[in-house]
Amino acid sequence: MTDVSTADVSTADESTTDDSATEASWSKGERTRRAILDAAIVRFSRDGYRGTSLTSVARDAGITPSGIYPYFANKEALFVAAVDEDAAREIQEGLAGLRTEDLVGGSQHVIFGLLGALEGHPLARRVLAGLEPEFTVRLIGIPALAQLRKNLAENLRVLQASGMVRDDLDPAGVANGLVTICLSLLMSLVQTGSEPADLLGEDVISVFDAVLRPVHSLTTSY
């Protein structure tokens, strides 16, 4: 089996895969857009949506306030894009090195990886912590999570072909459900301060396995 990061369980946005290799080829517009997003991630994570102005983001990015509008129509659009960017980076980092087969029997590693990466992505953590309630529900549909669902479905198809996952499952539907469950667990961990090991006990892992593993595999493992 291949490494999960190369098998695209993590997001495949080019801006998060290898910045050092692609930055030199960016156009001036691409560099400006990245500077705006980087500044916005820092500002929104520190001051929140209501406490952040486009003027402060522009100043941090080294441009005039009017320079934001060719890239983002308003503050709300910038906020959503900044959360998506920070989430994409967090997913890429959190799932790096995870193997495709870890999705079966090692699902706790997915949560542990994403939780551990949150420390370096304060805007994603802020949203999961419920500190931006006006945006929480709609941000479930951000492109970073849509890409994660797509990549999970592709990996589940690979596992079905190898016999590690039940062949009667709909990979897209299961991937959507798994992402929803992972988000719920991450929100619970962040908002309650619970220890991951306490929340992700054997009972939770057994549910994942019961859904994914073929019946004959479950029979032989107990």
Protein backbone atom coordinates (compact mmCIF):
# COMPACT_ATOMS: atom_id res chain seq x y z
CA MET A 1 0.00 0.00 0.00
CA THR A 2 1.10 3.57 -0.59
CA ASP A 3 1.58 6.38 1.88
CA VAL A 4 -1.67 8.24 2.51
CA SER A 5 -0.12 11.61 1.73
CA THR A 6 0.92 10.42 -1.73
CA ALA A 7 -2.33 8.56 -2.22
CA ASP A 8 -4.22 11.82 -1.74
CA VAL A 9 -6.11 11.21 1.48
CA SER A 10 -4.79 14.63 2.44
CA THR A 11 -5.87 17.59 0.32
CA ALA A 12 -4.16 18.05 -3.00
CA ASP A 13 -4.33 21.84 -3.31
CA GLU A 14 -1.10 22.92 -4.99
CA SER A 15 -0.66 25.76 -2.51
CA THR A 16 -0.31 23.27 0.37
CA THR A 17 1.71 20.45 -1.14
CA ASP A 18 5.13 22.00 -1.77
CA ASP A 19 5.32 25.75 -1.25
CA SER A 20 9.09 25.91 -1.60
CA ALA A 21 8.99 24.24 -5.00
CA THR A 22 6.15 26.32 -6.45
CA GLU A 23 6.65 29.76 -4.93
CA ALA A 24 9.33 30.71 -7.44
CA SER A 25 6.91 30.10 -10.32
CA TRP A 26 4.06 32.15 -8.86
CA SER A 27 2.93 35.24 -10.73
CA LYS A 28 2.80 38.60 -8.97
CA GLY A 29 -0.94 38.15 -8.53
CA GLU A 30 -0.49 34.73 -6.96
CA ARG A 31 2.10 36.07 -4.55
CA THR A 32 -0.18 38.97 -3.60
CA ARG A 33 -3.11 36.62 -3.02
CA ARG A 34 -0.97 34.38 -0.82
CA ALA A 35 0.29 37.39 1.17
CA ILE A 36 -3.30 38.50 1.77
CA LEU A 37 -4.34 35.01 2.90
CA ASP A 38 -1.33 34.62 5.20
CA ALA A 39 -2.05 37.99 6.81
CA ALA A 40 -5.75 37.19 7.11
CA ILE A 41 -5.12 33.84 8.78
CA VAL A 42 -3.01 35.52 11.46
CA ARG A 43 -5.45 38.40 11.99
CA PHE A 44 -8.66 36.35 12.03
CA SER A 45 -7.18 33.72 14.33
CA ARG A 46 -6.02 36.36 16.79
CA ASP A 47 -8.77 38.99 16.63
CA GLY A 48 -11.73 37.02 15.27
CA TYR A 49 -13.99 37.92 12.38
CA ARG A 50 -15.64 40.88 14.07
CA GLY A 51 -12.38 42.26 15.43
CA THR A 52 -10.54 42.18 12.10
CA SER A 53 -10.69 44.90 9.45
CA LEU A 54 -9.64 44.69 5.84
CA THR A 55 -7.43 47.71 6.48
CA SER A 56 -5.42 45.80 9.09
CA VAL A 57 -5.10 42.76 6.83
CA ALA A 58 -3.94 44.95 3.95
CA ARG A 59 -1.37 46.66 6.15
CA ASP A 60 0.00 43.32 7.31
CA ALA A 61 0.15 42.10 3.71
CA GLY A 62 1.99 45.22 2.58
CA ILE A 63 -0.70 46.50 0.21
CA THR A 64 -3.37 49.19 0.20
CA PRO A 65 -6.90 48.25 1.35
CA SER A 66 -8.20 48.59 -2.21
CA GLY A 67 -5.64 45.99 -3.27
CA ILE A 68 -7.67 43.25 -1.56
CA TYR A 69 -10.78 43.61 -3.73
CA PRO A 70 -9.40 42.16 -6.99
CA TYR A 71 -8.93 38.91 -5.02
CA PHE A 72 -11.72 38.94 -2.42
CA ALA A 73 -15.06 40.71 -2.77
CA ASN A 74 -15.46 41.54 0.92
CA LYS A 75 -14.37 40.58 4.43
CA GLU A 76 -16.69 37.58 4.55
CA ALA A 77 -15.24 36.16 1.34
CA LEU A 78 -11.72 36.68 2.69
CA PHE A 79 -12.60 34.99 5.97
CA VAL A 80 -14.02 31.91 4.26
CA ALA A 81 -10.98 31.69 1.97
CA ALA A 82 -8.60 32.09 4.91
CA VAL A 83 -10.32 29.32 6.87
CA ASP A 84 -10.24 27.08 3.81
CA GLU A 85 -6.53 27.73 3.30
CA ASP A 86 -5.65 27.11 6.93
CA ALA A 87 -7.80 23.97 7.00
CA ALA A 88 -6.16 22.65 3.83
CA ARG A 89 -2.70 23.16 5.33
CA GLU A 90 -3.82 21.54 8.59
CA ILE A 91 -5.20 18.47 6.82
CA GLN A 92 -2.06 18.14 4.70
CA GLU A 93 0.14 18.28 7.78
CA GLY A 94 -2.08 16.13 9.97
CA LEU A 95 -2.35 13.27 7.49
CA ALA A 96 1.23 13.35 6.23
CA GLY A 97 2.80 9.91 6.46
CA LEU A 98 -0.48 8.12 7.11
CA ARG A 99 -0.86 5.02 4.95
CA THR A 100 -3.97 4.10 3.02
CA GLU A 101 -4.43 0.88 5.01
CA ASP A 102 -4.40 2.90 8.26
CA LEU A 103 -7.97 3.89 7.44
CA VAL A 104 -8.98 0.37 8.53
CA GLY A 105 -8.01 -0.64 12.06
CA GLY A 106 -6.06 2.55 12.66
CA SER A 107 -8.69 5.25 12.32
CA GLN A 108 -7.61 6.78 15.62
CA HIS A 109 -4.39 7.87 13.92
CA VAL A 110 -6.40 10.08 11.59
CA ILE A 111 -7.94 11.95 14.52
CA PHE A 112 -4.66 12.10 16.47
CA GLY A 113 -2.87 13.45 13.40
CA LEU A 114 -5.43 16.14 12.68
CA LEU A 115 -5.66 17.11 16.35
CA GLY A 116 -1.90 17.37 16.70
CA ALA A 117 -1.61 19.59 13.64
CA LEU A 118 -4.21 22.04 14.98
CA GLU A 119 -1.66 23.70 17.26
CA GLY A 120 0.03 25.18 14.21
CA HIS A 121 -3.22 26.27 12.55
CA PRO A 122 -4.98 28.62 14.97
CA LEU A 123 -7.71 29.78 12.58
CA ALA A 124 -8.89 26.23 11.90
CA ARG A 125 -8.77 25.60 15.64
CA ARG A 126 -10.74 28.78 16.33
CA VAL A 127 -13.58 27.64 14.08
CA LEU A 128 -13.61 24.13 15.57
CA ALA A 129 -13.69 25.69 19.04
CA GLY A 130 -16.99 27.36 18.15
CA LEU A 131 -15.62 30.89 18.42
CA GLU A 132 -17.11 31.87 15.05
CA PRO A 133 -20.66 30.47 15.44
CA GLU A 134 -22.11 32.51 12.58
CA PHE A 135 -19.85 30.66 10.15
CA THR A 136 -19.43 27.19 11.65
CA VAL A 137 -22.22 25.43 9.74
CA ARG A 138 -21.50 26.90 6.32
CA LEU A 139 -17.76 26.25 6.65
CA ILE A 140 -18.42 22.52 6.71
CA GLY A 141 -18.70 22.85 2.94
CA ILE A 142 -15.35 24.56 2.33
CA PRO A 143 -13.25 23.22 -0.59
CA ALA A 144 -10.60 21.74 1.72
CA LEU A 145 -13.16 19.37 3.25
CA ALA A 146 -14.75 18.63 -0.12
CA GLN A 147 -11.31 17.61 -1.40
CA LEU A 148 -10.74 15.46 1.69
CA ARG A 149 -14.05 13.66 1.09
CA LYS A 150 -13.08 13.05 -2.54
CA ASN A 151 -9.64 11.72 -1.64
CA LEU A 152 -11.01 9.48 1.11
CA ALA A 153 -13.50 8.00 -1.35
CA GLU A 154 -10.68 7.25 -3.80
CA ASN A 155 -8.69 5.51 -1.08
CA LEU A 156 -11.70 3.50 0.03
CA ARG A 157 -12.08 2.25 -3.55
CA VAL A 158 -8.44 1.12 -3.46
CA LEU A 159 -9.10 -0.72 -0.20
CA GLN A 160 -12.24 -2.31 -1.64
CA ALA A 161 -10.24 -3.63 -4.58
CA SER A 162 -7.71 -5.16 -2.16
CA GLY A 163 -10.43 -6.80 -0.06
CA MET A 164 -9.73 -4.73 3.05
CA VAL A 165 -13.03 -2.84 2.89
CA ARG A 166 -16.53 -4.21 2.28
CA ASP A 167 -17.39 -4.20 -1.41
CA ASP A 168 -21.05 -3.33 -0.79
CA LEU A 169 -20.26 0.14 0.58
CA ASP A 170 -20.66 3.37 -1.38
CA PRO A 171 -17.19 4.96 -1.04
CA ALA A 172 -18.45 8.51 -1.57
CA GLY A 173 -21.21 8.17 1.02
CA VAL A 174 -18.93 6.54 3.57
CA ALA A 175 -16.23 9.16 2.99
CA ASN A 176 -18.76 11.92 3.61
CA GLY A 177 -19.86 10.21 6.82
CA LEU A 178 -16.29 9.66 8.02
CA VAL A 179 -15.39 13.33 7.52
CA THR A 180 -18.52 14.39 9.40
CA ILE A 181 -17.69 12.06 12.30
CA CYS A 182 -14.06 13.22 12.38
CA LEU A 183 -15.18 16.86 12.47
CA SER A 184 -17.58 16.13 15.32
CA LEU A 185 -14.86 14.35 17.30
CA LEU A 186 -12.37 17.17 16.72
CA MET A 187 -14.93 19.76 17.82
CA SER A 188 -15.64 17.75 20.97
CA LEU A 189 -11.97 17.40 21.79
CA VAL A 190 -11.20 21.08 21.21
CA GLN A 191 -14.27 22.47 22.97
CA THR A 192 -14.20 20.19 26.01
CA GLY A 193 -10.47 19.78 26.42
CA SER A 194 -10.92 16.03 26.68
CA GLU A 195 -7.96 13.70 26.37
CA PRO A 196 -7.99 12.06 22.90
CA ALA A 197 -7.36 8.63 24.36
CA ASP A 198 -10.42 8.98 26.61
CA LEU A 199 -12.74 10.00 23.79
CA LEU A 200 -11.31 7.68 21.16
CA GLY A 201 -11.52 4.46 23.08
CA GLU A 202 -11.87 0.96 21.69
CA ASP A 203 -15.64 1.35 21.36
CA VAL A 204 -15.28 4.26 18.92
CA ILE A 205 -12.62 2.47 16.88
CA SER A 206 -14.76 -0.68 16.76
CA VAL A 207 -17.56 1.31 15.13
CA PHE A 208 -15.27 2.40 12.32
CA ASP A 209 -14.05 -1.16 11.85
CA ALA A 210 -17.56 -2.60 11.89
CA VAL A 211 -18.58 -0.25 9.08
CA LEU A 212 -15.52 -0.78 6.89
CA ARG A 213 -14.22 -4.32 7.38
CA PRO A 214 -15.60 -7.26 5.38
CA VAL A 215 -17.72 -9.63 7.48
CA HIS A 216 -15.21 -12.49 7.26
CA SER A 217 -12.46 -10.14 8.49
CA LEU A 218 -14.50 -9.10 11.51
CA THR A 219 -15.28 -12.73 12.32
CA THR A 220 -11.63 -13.77 12.32
CA SER A 221 -10.46 -10.75 14.32
CA TYR A 222 -12.65 -11.43 17.37
